[in-house]
Structures are given as C-alpha cells and as structure tokens.
Amino acid sequence: MSEAVLALPDYRDLSPELQERFRAIAARETILEIDGVRKDFAAPKGAQPLPPVLGGVSFEVKRREFICLIGASGCGKSTLLRILGGLESRTGGEVRMNGRQVDGPGADRGMVFQEYTLFPWLTVKQNVMFGPRMAGQGRDPSEAEALQWLDMVGLSERANAWPHQLSGGMKQRVAIARALANSPPILLMDEPFGALDAQTRCTMQKHLLQIWKNVDVTVLFVTHDLDEAILLADRIVVLGARPGRILEIIQVPVDRPRHVGQLLSPHFLATKKRLEQLIHPDDPEDLPIIRMTQVGDEAEEPGAMRAGTRNGSGT
C-alpha cells in the first residue's frame, strides 16, 4: 500500500461548515467557567507530600456544547467532574455556573455515574419522578413528565418495572432520564457506559446523541475510550497526569450528525492518532518486559524459532 493511501489529514483542518459551526458555538453564552481549579490530597502523617491531583485547570463551556474529558488514568478526570458537580471540594481556583460560584451540589447540574445508582425500592417511573417530587412538584405533573422522559429514552413500556429487572443499558437510560427530569442546564456524565458490553455501549452512544439533539442541555462526559470521545464531542479536553492539567483542547473535525460509519473516516482517524500521541506518548515496545516463565516456544519471535530449528534445537 502506498504512502498516499496511508496519509491522514491534519486533525486541525476543519471544513468550512465546521468552521462556521464552531464560530456559532463560540458566540453562545458561557454556561460553565472552570478557572484555575486545583486539587490536593493530604499525605499520611510523616509521609512525602502527594503530587497534586489537579494542577490548575481552566476552560469554558458554552451552552448546548458537548465536551468530552479524556486522559490517562490518574489525570483527575473524575475528580474534576465531581468538583463541577459540587460533590468534591477543591483546593484552589473557582467554578462558576451561569456566573454563580459553585460550592456544592445543585439542581442546575445533573449527574450520571458509571455505577448503577437507581433506588432499588422504587419503580423505574418512581425513580424518574424522584427529583421533581423532592423539589415540591405535584404527583400528577411529576408522573406525566416522568413518562415523557421514559418515552424519550425508549423505556415507556418499562415504567412499572423494578431496577433489578432491567439490563445494564436500560438502567443507565433510566439514570439519564432521572437526571434530565430536573431540567438541569448541564449534564455531568462520569464514564456512564464504561461497565457496558461493546454492543450495548454503541447503542447507548446513539441514544445519548439523539437525546442531546432533542433536549436543551449541555454535556460534560468523562471517558477512557478514544472512539467514544470523537464520536460524541464537539470539543475534547485532553488532560495530562501528575498533576492533572490540560494538554490540548481539540475541536473534533468530524461532521454532525455522527454515526459509526465515520469511525474509519480520515479526519476521525487523524483525531484518534493525535489523542493517542497525547495520552500514550511512550511506545509500549520501549517498556521493560520481564519473562516470568518459559512457555516452550517463541511464538512471538518466529525468526528466533526458525533459527532454533536450523541449529537443531527445534523439531
């Protein structure tokens, strides 16, 4: 295969349509400001100080934007998301939601976790009704809205089921509906599809894109999956580790609406290559490998196996 066939475009090259889209996004109101956010954990008494988890992270999120946070393990992605949700304190910096300081949880930020967090003693419909009911909404309007959200996520027929009767993907769809039932301007999602099998994960990505298309909500989505980040996001915030810091913010050069057929498109592959360079700069082949046992052949080194045969050591 020739080099021309293998060549990929520059991931920073945007089509005129995408340039216009990003200009329109940049002109929208800023819904969330992250300004110099730092996070330290205290070391045990007498131990060496621990490196900062987050070393001063700053970026802005525009209304109706879909942003993915990605990076190597230990870069502070989930910690940052929990800080934005008000579930974790910060050591320094500021978080502002629509100009107001964030110092704790609030109904203006919905959150979906990787773990299944449905209340097992409530039905599917009752789980979705929970937030509005706690906010003082009457039973009838809460039920009517819950059924609308369940219809949105394709689970209206399961309204009276119990959580243990649902598959993993169904549970996460209910969790998304429950979060959206409070009408939050922003949805914070911490690897919500990480525990799902590949087929269910793909289906959930399609569901989420469809929901985001039809609902006035901004999404911040933490993932380890490079393909998932490119498939979902307008922009990808790439974090480095020790301390957690922004390495690059990438405008995804892939047209919307997104679909799995784009996974092998040149711009998709170019973006994935750049993410791999940022997140995994070291070639795995350079890592020290210690052989713990002899397996009886050289399957990974066929050249050495042939040499052994020529030397009379093989069969």
C-alpha atoms as a PDB file:
ATOM      1  CA  MET A   1       0.000   0.000   0.000  1.00  0.00           C
ATOM      2  CA  SER A   2       1.411   3.417  -0.940  1.00  0.00           C
ATOM      3  CA  GLU A   3       2.181   6.250   1.474  1.00  0.00           C
ATOM      4  CA  ALA A   4      -0.521   8.376  -0.185  1.00  0.00           C
ATOM      5  CA  VAL A   5      -3.163   5.843   0.853  1.00  0.00           C
ATOM      6  CA  LEU A   6      -1.922   5.816   4.446  1.00  0.00           C
ATOM      7  CA  ALA A   7      -1.568   9.606   4.766  1.00  0.00           C
ATOM      8  CA  LEU A   8      -4.033  11.259   7.143  1.00  0.00           C
ATOM      9  CA  PRO A   9      -5.196  14.878   7.082  1.00  0.00           C
ATOM     10  CA  ASP A  10      -4.197  17.344   9.785  1.00  0.00           C
ATOM     11  CA  TYR A  11      -6.704  16.905  12.633  1.00  0.00           C
ATOM     12  CA  ARG A  12      -6.812  20.708  12.945  1.00  0.00           C
ATOM     13  CA  ASP A  13      -8.131  21.159   9.401  1.00  0.00           C
ATOM     14  CA  LEU A  14     -11.839  21.966   9.575  1.00  0.00           C
ATOM     15  CA  SER A  15     -14.266  22.088   6.703  1.00  0.00           C
ATOM     16  CA  PRO A  16     -15.942  25.480   6.057  1.00  0.00           C
ATOM     17  CA  GLU A  17     -19.163  24.068   7.547  1.00  0.00           C
ATOM     18  CA  LEU A  18     -17.373  23.009  10.737  1.00  0.00           C
ATOM     19  CA  GLN A  19     -15.559  26.335  10.986  1.00  0.00           C
ATOM     20  CA  GLU A  20     -18.924  28.057  10.878  1.00  0.00           C
ATOM     21  CA  ARG A  21     -20.350  25.657  13.459  1.00  0.00           C
ATOM     22  CA  PHE A  22     -17.514  26.348  15.909  1.00  0.00           C
ATOM     23  CA  ARG A  23     -17.861  30.093  15.371  1.00  0.00           C
ATOM     24  CA  ALA A  24     -21.551  29.763  16.254  1.00  0.00           C
ATOM     25  CA  ILE A  25     -20.748  27.733  19.372  1.00  0.00           C
ATOM     26  CA  ALA A  26     -18.129  30.281  20.481  1.00  0.00           C
ATOM     27  CA  ALA A  27     -20.720  33.054  20.169  1.00  0.00           C
ATOM     28  CA  ARG A  28     -23.125  31.352  22.578  1.00  0.00           C
ATOM     29  CA  GLU A  29     -23.384  32.275  26.238  1.00  0.00           C
ATOM     30  CA  THR A  30     -20.867  30.693  28.609  1.00  0.00           C
ATOM     31  CA  ILE A  31     -22.690  28.307  30.909  1.00  0.00           C
ATOM     32  CA  LEU A  32     -19.760  26.956  32.949  1.00  0.00           C
ATOM     33  CA  GLU A  33     -16.393  28.502  33.824  1.00  0.00           C
ATOM     34  CA  ILE A  34     -13.543  26.450  35.258  1.00  0.00           C
ATOM     35  CA  ASP A  35     -10.826  28.852  36.395  1.00  0.00           C
ATOM     36  CA  GLY A  36      -7.514  27.549  37.764  1.00  0.00           C
ATOM     37  CA  VAL A  37      -9.078  24.606  39.608  1.00  0.00           C
ATOM     38  CA  ARG A  38      -6.569  22.770  41.815  1.00  0.00           C
ATOM     39  CA  LYS A  39      -6.971  19.695  43.985  1.00  0.00           C
ATOM     40  CA  ASP A  40      -4.557  18.243  46.530  1.00  0.00           C
ATOM     41  CA  PHE A  41      -4.976  15.229  48.783  1.00  0.00           C
ATOM     42  CA  ALA A  42      -3.264  15.235  52.163  1.00  0.00           C
ATOM     43  CA  ALA A  43      -0.498  12.666  52.650  1.00  0.00           C
ATOM     44  CA  PRO A  44      -0.403  10.449  55.752  1.00  0.00           C
ATOM     45  CA  LYS A  45       1.458  11.979  58.658  1.00  0.00           C
ATOM     46  CA  GLY A  46       5.189  11.701  58.159  1.00  0.00           C
ATOM     47  CA  ALA A  47       4.922  10.682  54.515  1.00  0.00           C
ATOM     48  CA  GLN A  48       6.147  12.585  51.488  1.00  0.00           C
ATOM     49  CA  PRO A  49       3.617  15.104  50.101  1.00  0.00           C
ATOM     50  CA  LEU A  50       1.407  13.688  47.387  1.00  0.00           C
ATOM     51  CA  PRO A  51       1.579  15.266  43.916  1.00  0.00           C
ATOM     52  CA  PRO A  52      -1.404  17.496  43.105  1.00  0.00           C
ATOM     53  CA  VAL A  53      -4.343  15.717  41.500  1.00  0.00           C
ATOM     54  CA  LEU A  54      -5.263  18.826  39.524  1.00  0.00           C
ATOM     55  CA  GLY A  55      -2.659  21.499  38.925  1.00  0.00           C
ATOM     56  CA  GLY A  56      -4.738  24.445  37.741  1.00  0.00           C
ATOM     57  CA  VAL A  57      -7.328  23.535  35.101  1.00  0.00           C
ATOM     58  CA  SER A  58      -9.095  26.298  33.168  1.00  0.00           C
ATOM     59  CA  PHE A  59     -11.609  26.225  30.330  1.00  0.00           C
ATOM     60  CA  GLU A  60     -15.110  27.437  29.477  1.00  0.00           C
ATOM     61  CA  VAL A  61     -18.178  25.520  28.347  1.00  0.00           C
ATOM     62  CA  LYS A  62     -20.731  27.059  26.018  1.00  0.00           C
ATOM     63  CA  ARG A  63     -24.472  26.430  26.104  1.00  0.00           C
ATOM     64  CA  ARG A  64     -25.554  23.233  24.283  1.00  0.00           C
ATOM     65  CA  GLU A  65     -21.931  22.169  23.790  1.00  0.00           C
ATOM     66  CA  PHE A  66     -20.897  18.531  24.114  1.00  0.00           C
ATOM     67  CA  ILE A  67     -17.451  18.236  25.706  1.00  0.00           C
ATOM     68  CA  CYS A  68     -15.541  15.043  26.475  1.00  0.00           C
ATOM     69  CA  LEU A  69     -12.814  14.869  29.120  1.00  0.00           C
ATOM     70  CA  ILE A  70     -10.184  12.266  28.370  1.00  0.00           C
ATOM     71  CA  GLY A  71      -6.724  11.349  29.610  1.00  0.00           C
ATOM     72  CA  ALA A  72      -4.590   8.631  31.118  1.00  0.00           C
ATOM     73  CA  SER A  73      -5.594   7.014  34.408  1.00  0.00           C
ATOM     74  CA  GLY A  74      -4.785   9.288  37.330  1.00  0.00           C
ATOM     75  CA  CYS A  75      -5.115  12.565  35.432  1.00  0.00           C
ATOM     76  CA  GLY A  76      -8.048  13.725  37.587  1.00  0.00           C
ATOM     77  CA  LYS A  77     -10.918  13.496  35.074  1.00  0.00           C
ATOM     78  CA  SER A  78     -13.455  12.089  37.509  1.00  0.00           C
ATOM     79  CA  THR A  79     -12.177  14.293  40.346  1.00  0.00           C
ATOM     80  CA  LEU A  80     -12.703  17.368  38.179  1.00  0.00           C
ATOM     81  CA  LEU A  81     -16.216  16.249  37.242  1.00  0.00           C
ATOM     82  CA  ARG A  82     -17.085  15.675  40.905  1.00  0.00           C
ATOM     83  CA  ILE A  83     -15.787  19.168  41.726  1.00  0.00           C
ATOM     84  CA  LEU A  84     -18.005  20.614  38.987  1.00  0.00           C
ATOM     85  CA  GLY A  85     -20.934  18.674  40.431  1.00  0.00           C
ATOM     86  CA  GLY A  86     -20.233  20.042  43.906  1.00  0.00           C
ATOM     87  CA  LEU A  87     -19.534  16.546  45.265  1.00  0.00           C
ATOM     88  CA  GLU A  88     -15.833  17.188  45.902  1.00  0.00           C
ATOM     89  CA  SER A  89     -14.125  20.216  47.397  1.00  0.00           C
ATOM     90  CA  ARG A  90     -11.331  21.983  45.522  1.00  0.00           C
ATOM     91  CA  THR A  91      -8.043  23.240  46.948  1.00  0.00           C
ATOM     92  CA  GLY A  92      -7.973  26.340  44.793  1.00  0.00           C
ATOM     93  CA  GLY A  93      -9.486  28.075  41.800  1.00  0.00           C
ATOM     94  CA  GLU A  94     -13.112  28.807  41.003  1.00  0.00           C
ATOM     95  CA  VAL A  95     -16.074  27.119  39.331  1.00  0.00           C
ATOM     96  CA  ARG A  96     -18.923  29.324  38.140  1.00  0.00           C
ATOM     97  CA  MET A  97     -22.247  28.144  36.761  1.00  0.00           C
ATOM     98  CA  ASN A  98     -24.045  30.917  34.872  1.00  0.00           C
ATOM     99  CA  GLY A  99     -21.820  33.375  36.718  1.00  0.00           C
ATOM    100  CA  ARG A 100     -22.597  31.979  40.194  1.00  0.00           C
ATOM    101  CA  GLN A 101     -19.970  30.319  42.363  1.00  0.00           C
ATOM    102  CA  VAL A 102     -20.320  26.523  42.694  1.00  0.00           C
ATOM    103  CA  ASP A 103     -19.683  25.337  46.255  1.00  0.00           C
ATOM    104  CA  GLY A 104     -21.938  22.290  46.489  1.00  0.00           C
ATOM    105  CA  PRO A 105     -24.477  20.139  44.642  1.00  0.00           C
ATOM    106  CA  GLY A 106     -27.374  21.832  42.911  1.00  0.00           C
ATOM    107  CA  ALA A 107     -30.374  21.074  40.724  1.00  0.00           C
ATOM    108  CA  ASP A 108     -28.712  23.047  37.924  1.00  0.00           C
ATOM    109  CA  ARG A 109     -26.247  20.168  37.417  1.00  0.00           C
ATOM    110  CA  GLY A 110     -27.465  16.639  36.701  1.00  0.00           C
ATOM    111  CA  MET A 111     -25.026  13.774  37.222  1.00  0.00           C
ATOM    112  CA  VAL A 112     -24.842  10.242  35.808  1.00  0.00           C
ATOM    113  CA  PHE A 113     -22.275   7.813  37.230  1.00  0.00           C
ATOM    114  CA  GLN A 114     -20.668   4.649  35.904  1.00  0.00           C
ATOM    115  CA  GLU A 115     -22.178   2.646  38.760  1.00  0.00           C
ATOM    116  CA  TYR A 116     -25.881   1.895  38.659  1.00  0.00           C
ATOM    117  CA  THR A 117     -27.394   4.352  41.138  1.00  0.00           C
ATOM    118  CA  LEU A 118     -31.130   3.737  40.796  1.00  0.00           C
ATOM    119  CA  PHE A 119     -33.111   3.380  44.007  1.00  0.00           C
ATOM    120  CA  PRO A 120     -33.952  -0.355  44.160  1.00  0.00           C
ATOM    121  CA  TRP A 121     -37.082   0.207  46.256  1.00  0.00           C
ATOM    122  CA  LEU A 122     -38.645   2.476  43.580  1.00  0.00           C
ATOM    123  CA  THR A 123     -40.004   1.506  40.186  1.00  0.00           C
ATOM    124  CA  VAL A 124     -38.496   2.938  37.009  1.00  0.00           C
ATOM    125  CA  LYS A 125     -41.173   5.632  36.845  1.00  0.00           C
ATOM    126  CA  GLN A 126     -40.799   6.472  40.526  1.00  0.00           C
ATOM    127  CA  ASN A 127     -37.023   6.829  40.114  1.00  0.00           C
ATOM    128  CA  VAL A 128     -37.542   9.406  37.368  1.00  0.00           C
ATOM    129  CA  MET A 129     -40.200  11.200  39.438  1.00  0.00           C
ATOM    130  CA  PHE A 130     -37.947  11.396  42.497  1.00  0.00           C
ATOM    131  CA  GLY A 131     -36.192  14.711  41.777  1.00  0.00           C
ATOM    132  CA  PRO A 132     -39.248  16.730  40.798  1.00  0.00           C
ATOM    133  CA  ARG A 133     -41.189  15.325  43.773  1.00  0.00           C
ATOM    134  CA  MET A 134     -38.377  16.343  46.154  1.00  0.00           C
ATOM    135  CA  ALA A 135     -38.470  19.814  44.581  1.00  0.00           C
ATOM    136  CA  GLY A 136     -42.143  20.101  45.535  1.00  0.00           C
ATOM    137  CA  GLN A 137     -43.812  19.262  42.246  1.00  0.00           C
ATOM    138  CA  GLY A 138     -47.186  17.543  42.478  1.00  0.00           C
ATOM    139  CA  ARG A 139     -47.582  13.837  41.852  1.00  0.00           C
ATOM    140  CA  ASP A 140     -49.627  14.106  38.650  1.00  0.00           C
ATOM    141  CA  PRO A 141     -47.331  16.537  36.792  1.00  0.00           C
ATOM    142  CA  SER A 142     -44.278  14.611  38.030  1.00  0.00           C
ATOM    143  CA  GLU A 143     -45.720  11.368  36.692  1.00  0.00           C
ATOM    144  CA  ALA A 144     -46.644  12.935  33.360  1.00  0.00           C
ATOM    145  CA  GLU A 145     -43.126  14.346  32.917  1.00  0.00           C
ATOM    146  CA  ALA A 146     -41.510  11.056  34.006  1.00  0.00           C
ATOM    147  CA  LEU A 147     -43.463   9.205  31.315  1.00  0.00           C
ATOM    148  CA  GLN A 148     -42.327  11.757  28.731  1.00  0.00           C
ATOM    149  CA  TRP A 149     -38.675  11.245  29.697  1.00  0.00           C
ATOM    150  CA  LEU A 150     -39.053   7.480  29.658  1.00  0.00           C
ATOM    151  CA  ASP A 151     -40.537   7.737  26.181  1.00  0.00           C
ATOM    152  CA  MET A 152     -37.547   9.883  25.177  1.00  0.00           C
ATOM    153  CA  VAL A 153     -35.095   7.157  26.269  1.00  0.00           C
ATOM    154  CA  GLY A 154     -37.228   4.360  24.801  1.00  0.00           C
ATOM    155  CA  LEU A 155     -38.364   2.805  28.084  1.00  0.00           C
ATOM    156  CA  SER A 156     -42.015   3.792  28.418  1.00  0.00           C
ATOM    157  CA  GLU A 157     -43.024   0.118  28.419  1.00  0.00           C
ATOM    158  CA  ARG A 158     -40.779  -0.457  31.467  1.00  0.00           C
ATOM    159  CA  ALA A 159     -42.250   2.332  33.571  1.00  0.00           C
ATOM    160  CA  ASN A 160     -43.549  -0.016  36.262  1.00  0.00           C
ATOM    161  CA  ALA A 161     -40.570  -2.395  36.265  1.00  0.00           C
ATOM    162  CA  TRP A 162     -38.123  -2.622  39.158  1.00  0.00           C
ATOM    163  CA  PRO A 163     -34.438  -1.762  38.626  1.00  0.00           C
ATOM    164  CA  HIS A 164     -33.327  -5.381  39.135  1.00  0.00           C
ATOM    165  CA  GLN A 165     -35.475  -6.353  36.159  1.00  0.00           C
ATOM    166  CA  LEU A 166     -33.502  -4.122  33.779  1.00  0.00           C
ATOM    167  CA  SER A 167     -30.337  -4.701  31.784  1.00  0.00           C
ATOM    168  CA  GLY A 168     -27.300  -2.518  32.390  1.00  0.00           C
ATOM    169  CA  GLY A 169     -28.035  -0.343  29.376  1.00  0.00           C
ATOM    170  CA  MET A 170     -31.639   0.122  30.471  1.00  0.00           C
ATOM    171  CA  LYS A 171     -30.531   1.153  33.965  1.00  0.00           C
ATOM    172  CA  GLN A 172     -28.274   3.833  32.519  1.00  0.00           C
ATOM    173  CA  ARG A 173     -31.065   5.111  30.290  1.00  0.00           C
ATOM    174  CA  VAL A 174     -33.273   5.433  33.375  1.00  0.00           C
ATOM    175  CA  ALA A 175     -30.421   7.233  35.165  1.00  0.00           C
ATOM    176  CA  ILE A 176     -30.175   9.708  32.270  1.00  0.00           C
ATOM    177  CA  ALA A 177     -33.950  10.249  32.310  1.00  0.00           C
ATOM    178  CA  ARG A 178     -33.870  10.767  36.103  1.00  0.00           C
ATOM    179  CA  ALA A 179     -31.113  13.360  35.767  1.00  0.00           C
ATOM    180  CA  LEU A 180     -32.875  15.201  32.941  1.00  0.00           C
ATOM    181  CA  ALA A 181     -36.232  15.196  34.767  1.00  0.00           C
ATOM    182  CA  ASN A 182     -34.889  18.019  36.956  1.00  0.00           C
ATOM    183  CA  SER A 183     -34.309  20.128  33.788  1.00  0.00           C
ATOM    184  CA  PRO A 184     -30.647  20.860  34.547  1.00  0.00           C
ATOM    185  CA  PRO A 185     -28.834  23.162  32.105  1.00  0.00           C
ATOM    186  CA  ILE A 186     -25.838  20.822  32.216  1.00  0.00           C
ATOM    187  CA  LEU A 187     -25.402  17.051  32.468  1.00  0.00           C
ATOM    188  CA  LEU A 188     -22.188  15.690  34.022  1.00  0.00           C
ATOM    189  CA  MET A 189     -21.505  12.081  32.986  1.00  0.00           C
ATOM    190  CA  ASP A 190     -18.691  10.082  34.585  1.00  0.00           C
ATOM    191  CA  GLU A 191     -17.930   7.133  32.272  1.00  0.00           C
ATOM    192  CA  PRO A 192     -21.628   6.174  32.211  1.00  0.00           C
ATOM    193  CA  PHE A 193     -21.110   3.440  29.612  1.00  0.00           C
ATOM    194  CA  GLY A 194     -17.834   2.071  30.963  1.00  0.00           C
ATOM    195  CA  ALA A 195     -19.375  -1.062  32.504  1.00  0.00           C
ATOM    196  CA  LEU A 196     -21.430  -1.988  29.436  1.00  0.00           C
ATOM    197  CA  ASP A 197     -20.560  -4.526  26.759  1.00  0.00           C
ATOM    198  CA  ALA A 198     -19.447  -3.198  23.360  1.00  0.00           C
ATOM    199  CA  GLN A 199     -22.793  -3.644  21.582  1.00  0.00           C
ATOM    200  CA  THR A 200     -24.809  -2.041  24.395  1.00  0.00           C
ATOM    201  CA  ARG A 201     -22.276   0.761  24.631  1.00  0.00           C
ATOM    202  CA  CYS A 202     -22.680   1.537  20.934  1.00  0.00           C
ATOM    203  CA  THR A 203     -26.464   1.597  21.323  1.00  0.00           C
ATOM    204  CA  MET A 204     -26.215   3.908  24.339  1.00  0.00           C
ATOM    205  CA  GLN A 205     -23.991   6.323  22.418  1.00  0.00           C
ATOM    206  CA  LYS A 206     -26.686   6.559  19.738  1.00  0.00           C
ATOM    207  CA  HIS A 207     -29.358   7.101  22.409  1.00  0.00           C
ATOM    208  CA  LEU A 208     -27.332   9.857  24.063  1.00  0.00           C
ATOM    209  CA  LEU A 209     -26.696  11.711  20.796  1.00  0.00           C
ATOM    210  CA  GLN A 210     -30.405  11.517  19.991  1.00  0.00           C
ATOM    211  CA  ILE A 211     -31.352  12.825  23.454  1.00  0.00           C
ATOM    212  CA  TRP A 212     -28.815  15.662  23.251  1.00  0.00           C
ATOM    213  CA  LYS A 213     -30.142  16.599  19.805  1.00  0.00           C
ATOM    214  CA  ASN A 214     -33.679  16.978  21.166  1.00  0.00           C
ATOM    215  CA  VAL A 215     -33.078  18.413  24.648  1.00  0.00           C
ATOM    216  CA  ASP A 216     -31.688  21.821  25.602  1.00  0.00           C
ATOM    217  CA  VAL A 217     -28.809  20.521  27.684  1.00  0.00           C
ATOM    218  CA  THR A 218     -25.027  20.900  27.786  1.00  0.00           C
ATOM    219  CA  VAL A 219     -22.982  17.721  28.340  1.00  0.00           C
ATOM    220  CA  LEU A 220     -19.614  17.114  30.004  1.00  0.00           C
ATOM    221  CA  PHE A 221     -18.688  13.480  29.508  1.00  0.00           C
ATOM    222  CA  VAL A 222     -15.704  11.634  31.025  1.00  0.00           C
ATOM    223  CA  THR A 223     -14.417   8.639  29.069  1.00  0.00           C
ATOM    224  CA  HIS A 224     -11.322   6.492  28.549  1.00  0.00           C
ATOM    225  CA  ASP A 225     -12.465   5.472  25.076  1.00  0.00           C
ATOM    226  CA  LEU A 226     -10.889   7.479  22.239  1.00  0.00           C
ATOM    227  CA  ASP A 227     -13.504   6.441  19.667  1.00  0.00           C
ATOM    228  CA  GLU A 228     -16.311   7.358  22.057  1.00  0.00           C
ATOM    229  CA  ALA A 229     -14.849  10.815  22.692  1.00  0.00           C
ATOM    230  CA  ILE A 230     -14.537  11.595  18.974  1.00  0.00           C
ATOM    231  CA  LEU A 231     -17.960  10.157  18.157  1.00  0.00           C
ATOM    232  CA  LEU A 232     -19.751  12.232  20.813  1.00  0.00           C
ATOM    233  CA  ALA A 233     -17.910  15.501  21.370  1.00  0.00           C
ATOM    234  CA  ASP A 234     -17.777  18.950  19.834  1.00  0.00           C
ATOM    235  CA  ARG A 235     -14.516  19.519  21.721  1.00  0.00           C
ATOM    236  CA  ILE A 236     -12.241  17.111  23.574  1.00  0.00           C
ATOM    237  CA  VAL A 237     -10.334  18.341  26.627  1.00  0.00           C
ATOM    238  CA  VAL A 238      -7.214  16.180  26.943  1.00  0.00           C
ATOM    239  CA  LEU A 239      -5.728  16.017  30.437  1.00  0.00           C
ATOM    240  CA  GLY A 240      -2.218  15.029  31.424  1.00  0.00           C
ATOM    241  CA  ALA A 241      -1.385  13.467  34.780  1.00  0.00           C
ATOM    242  CA  ARG A 242       0.662  14.320  37.870  1.00  0.00           C
ATOM    243  CA  PRO A 243      -0.566  16.978  38.123  1.00  0.00           C
ATOM    244  CA  GLY A 244      -3.775  16.928  36.120  1.00  0.00           C
ATOM    245  CA  ARG A 245      -3.514  19.679  33.535  1.00  0.00           C
ATOM    246  CA  ILE A 246      -4.811  20.461  30.079  1.00  0.00           C
ATOM    247  CA  LEU A 247      -2.554  19.190  27.321  1.00  0.00           C
ATOM    248  CA  GLU A 248      -4.770  20.298  24.464  1.00  0.00           C
ATOM    249  CA  ILE A 249      -8.366  21.142  23.616  1.00  0.00           C
ATOM    250  CA  ILE A 250      -9.309  19.603  20.275  1.00  0.00           C
ATOM    251  CA  GLN A 251     -12.143  20.736  18.047  1.00  0.00           C
ATOM    252  CA  VAL A 252     -13.434  17.491  16.568  1.00  0.00           C
ATOM    253  CA  PRO A 253     -13.162  17.769  12.745  1.00  0.00           C
ATOM    254  CA  VAL A 254     -15.980  15.291  12.070  1.00  0.00           C
ATOM    255  CA  ASP A 255     -19.319  16.447  10.672  1.00  0.00           C
ATOM    256  CA  ARG A 256     -22.611  16.052  12.517  1.00  0.00           C
ATOM    257  CA  PRO A 257     -24.836  14.114  12.710  1.00  0.00           C
ATOM    258  CA  ARG A 258     -22.356  11.497  13.892  1.00  0.00           C
ATOM    259  CA  HIS A 259     -22.638   7.790  13.111  1.00  0.00           C
ATOM    260  CA  VAL A 260     -20.460   4.678  13.394  1.00  0.00           C
ATOM    261  CA  GLY A 261     -19.717   4.793   9.679  1.00  0.00           C
ATOM    262  CA  GLN A 262     -17.403   7.737  10.430  1.00  0.00           C
ATOM    263  CA  LEU A 263     -15.101   5.639  12.629  1.00  0.00           C
ATOM    264  CA  LEU A 264     -12.803   4.929   9.677  1.00  0.00           C
ATOM    265  CA  SER A 265     -13.026   8.349   8.039  1.00  0.00           C
ATOM    266  CA  PRO A 266      -9.676  10.158   7.559  1.00  0.00           C
ATOM    267  CA  HIS A 267     -10.462  13.014   9.958  1.00  0.00           C
ATOM    268  CA  PHE A 268     -11.735  10.608  12.612  1.00  0.00           C
ATOM    269  CA  LEU A 269      -8.542   8.539  12.362  1.00  0.00           C
ATOM    270  CA  ALA A 270      -6.361  11.653  12.357  1.00  0.00           C
ATOM    271  CA  THR A 271      -8.017  12.861  15.570  1.00  0.00           C
ATOM    272  CA  LYS A 272      -7.620   9.439  17.171  1.00  0.00           C
ATOM    273  CA  LYS A 273      -3.928   9.390  16.231  1.00  0.00           C
ATOM    274  CA  ARG A 274      -3.444  12.775  17.907  1.00  0.00           C
ATOM    275  CA  LEU A 275      -5.234  11.614  21.060  1.00  0.00           C
ATOM    276  CA  GLU A 276      -3.000   8.537  21.203  1.00  0.00           C
ATOM    277  CA  GLN A 277       0.083  10.752  20.867  1.00  0.00           C
ATOM    278  CA  LEU A 278      -1.076  12.948  23.754  1.00  0.00           C
ATOM    279  CA  ILE A 279      -2.286  10.226  26.100  1.00  0.00           C
ATOM    280  CA  HIS A 280       0.266   7.495  25.321  1.00  0.00           C
ATOM    281  CA  PRO A 281       3.466   9.299  24.285  1.00  0.00           C
ATOM    282  CA  ASP A 282       5.674   6.329  25.218  1.00  0.00           C
ATOM    283  CA  ASP A 283       5.883   3.406  22.811  1.00  0.00           C
ATOM    284  CA  PRO A 284       4.850   0.235  24.712  1.00  0.00           C
ATOM    285  CA  GLU A 285       7.700  -1.594  22.991  1.00  0.00           C
ATOM    286  CA  ASP A 286      10.127   0.575  24.942  1.00  0.00           C
ATOM    287  CA  LEU A 287       8.784  -0.610  28.291  1.00  0.00           C
ATOM    288  CA  PRO A 288      10.877  -3.193  30.179  1.00  0.00           C
ATOM    289  CA  ILE A 289       9.445  -6.702  29.808  1.00  0.00           C
ATOM    290  CA  ILE A 290      10.481  -9.432  32.222  1.00  0.00           C
ATOM    291  CA  ARG A 291       9.794 -13.029  31.196  1.00  0.00           C
ATOM    292  CA  MET A 292       8.396 -14.812  34.222  1.00  0.00           C
ATOM    293  CA  THR A 293       8.252 -18.302  32.703  1.00  0.00           C
ATOM    294  CA  GLN A 294       9.316 -20.301  29.669  1.00  0.00           C
ATOM    295  CA  VAL A 295       6.317 -21.275  27.566  1.00  0.00           C
ATOM    296  CA  GLY A 296       8.196 -23.778  25.393  1.00  0.00           C
ATOM    297  CA  ASP A 297       8.242 -21.900  22.103  1.00  0.00           C
ATOM    298  CA  GLU A 298       8.951 -18.496  20.604  1.00  0.00           C
ATOM    299  CA  ALA A 299       5.546 -17.768  19.146  1.00  0.00           C
ATOM    300  CA  GLU A 300       6.110 -14.012  19.406  1.00  0.00           C
ATOM    301  CA  GLU A 301       9.536 -14.291  17.742  1.00  0.00           C
ATOM    302  CA  PRO A 302       9.192 -16.527  14.670  1.00  0.00           C
ATOM    303  CA  GLY A 303      12.667 -15.547  13.475  1.00  0.00           C
ATOM    304  CA  ALA A 304      14.201 -16.922  16.666  1.00  0.00           C
ATOM    305  CA  MET A 305      12.089 -20.056  16.314  1.00  0.00           C
ATOM    306  CA  ARG A 306      13.420 -20.653  12.794  1.00  0.00           C
ATOM    307  CA  ALA A 307      16.973 -20.073  13.993  1.00  0.00           C
ATOM    308  CA  GLY A 308      16.466 -22.664  16.715  1.00  0.00           C
ATOM    309  CA  THR A 309      15.293 -25.155  14.113  1.00  0.00           C
ATOM    310  CA  ARG A 310      18.350 -24.541  11.949  1.00  0.00           C
ATOM    311  CA  ASN A 311      20.593 -25.020  14.987  1.00  0.00           C
ATOM    312  CA  GLY A 312      18.994 -28.380  15.709  1.00  0.00           C
ATOM    313  CA  SER A 313      17.176 -27.213  18.838  1.00  0.00           C
ATOM    314  CA  GLY A 314      13.733 -27.309  17.210  1.00  0.00           C
ATOM    315  CA  THR A 315      11.673 -30.176  15.809  1.00  0.00           C
END
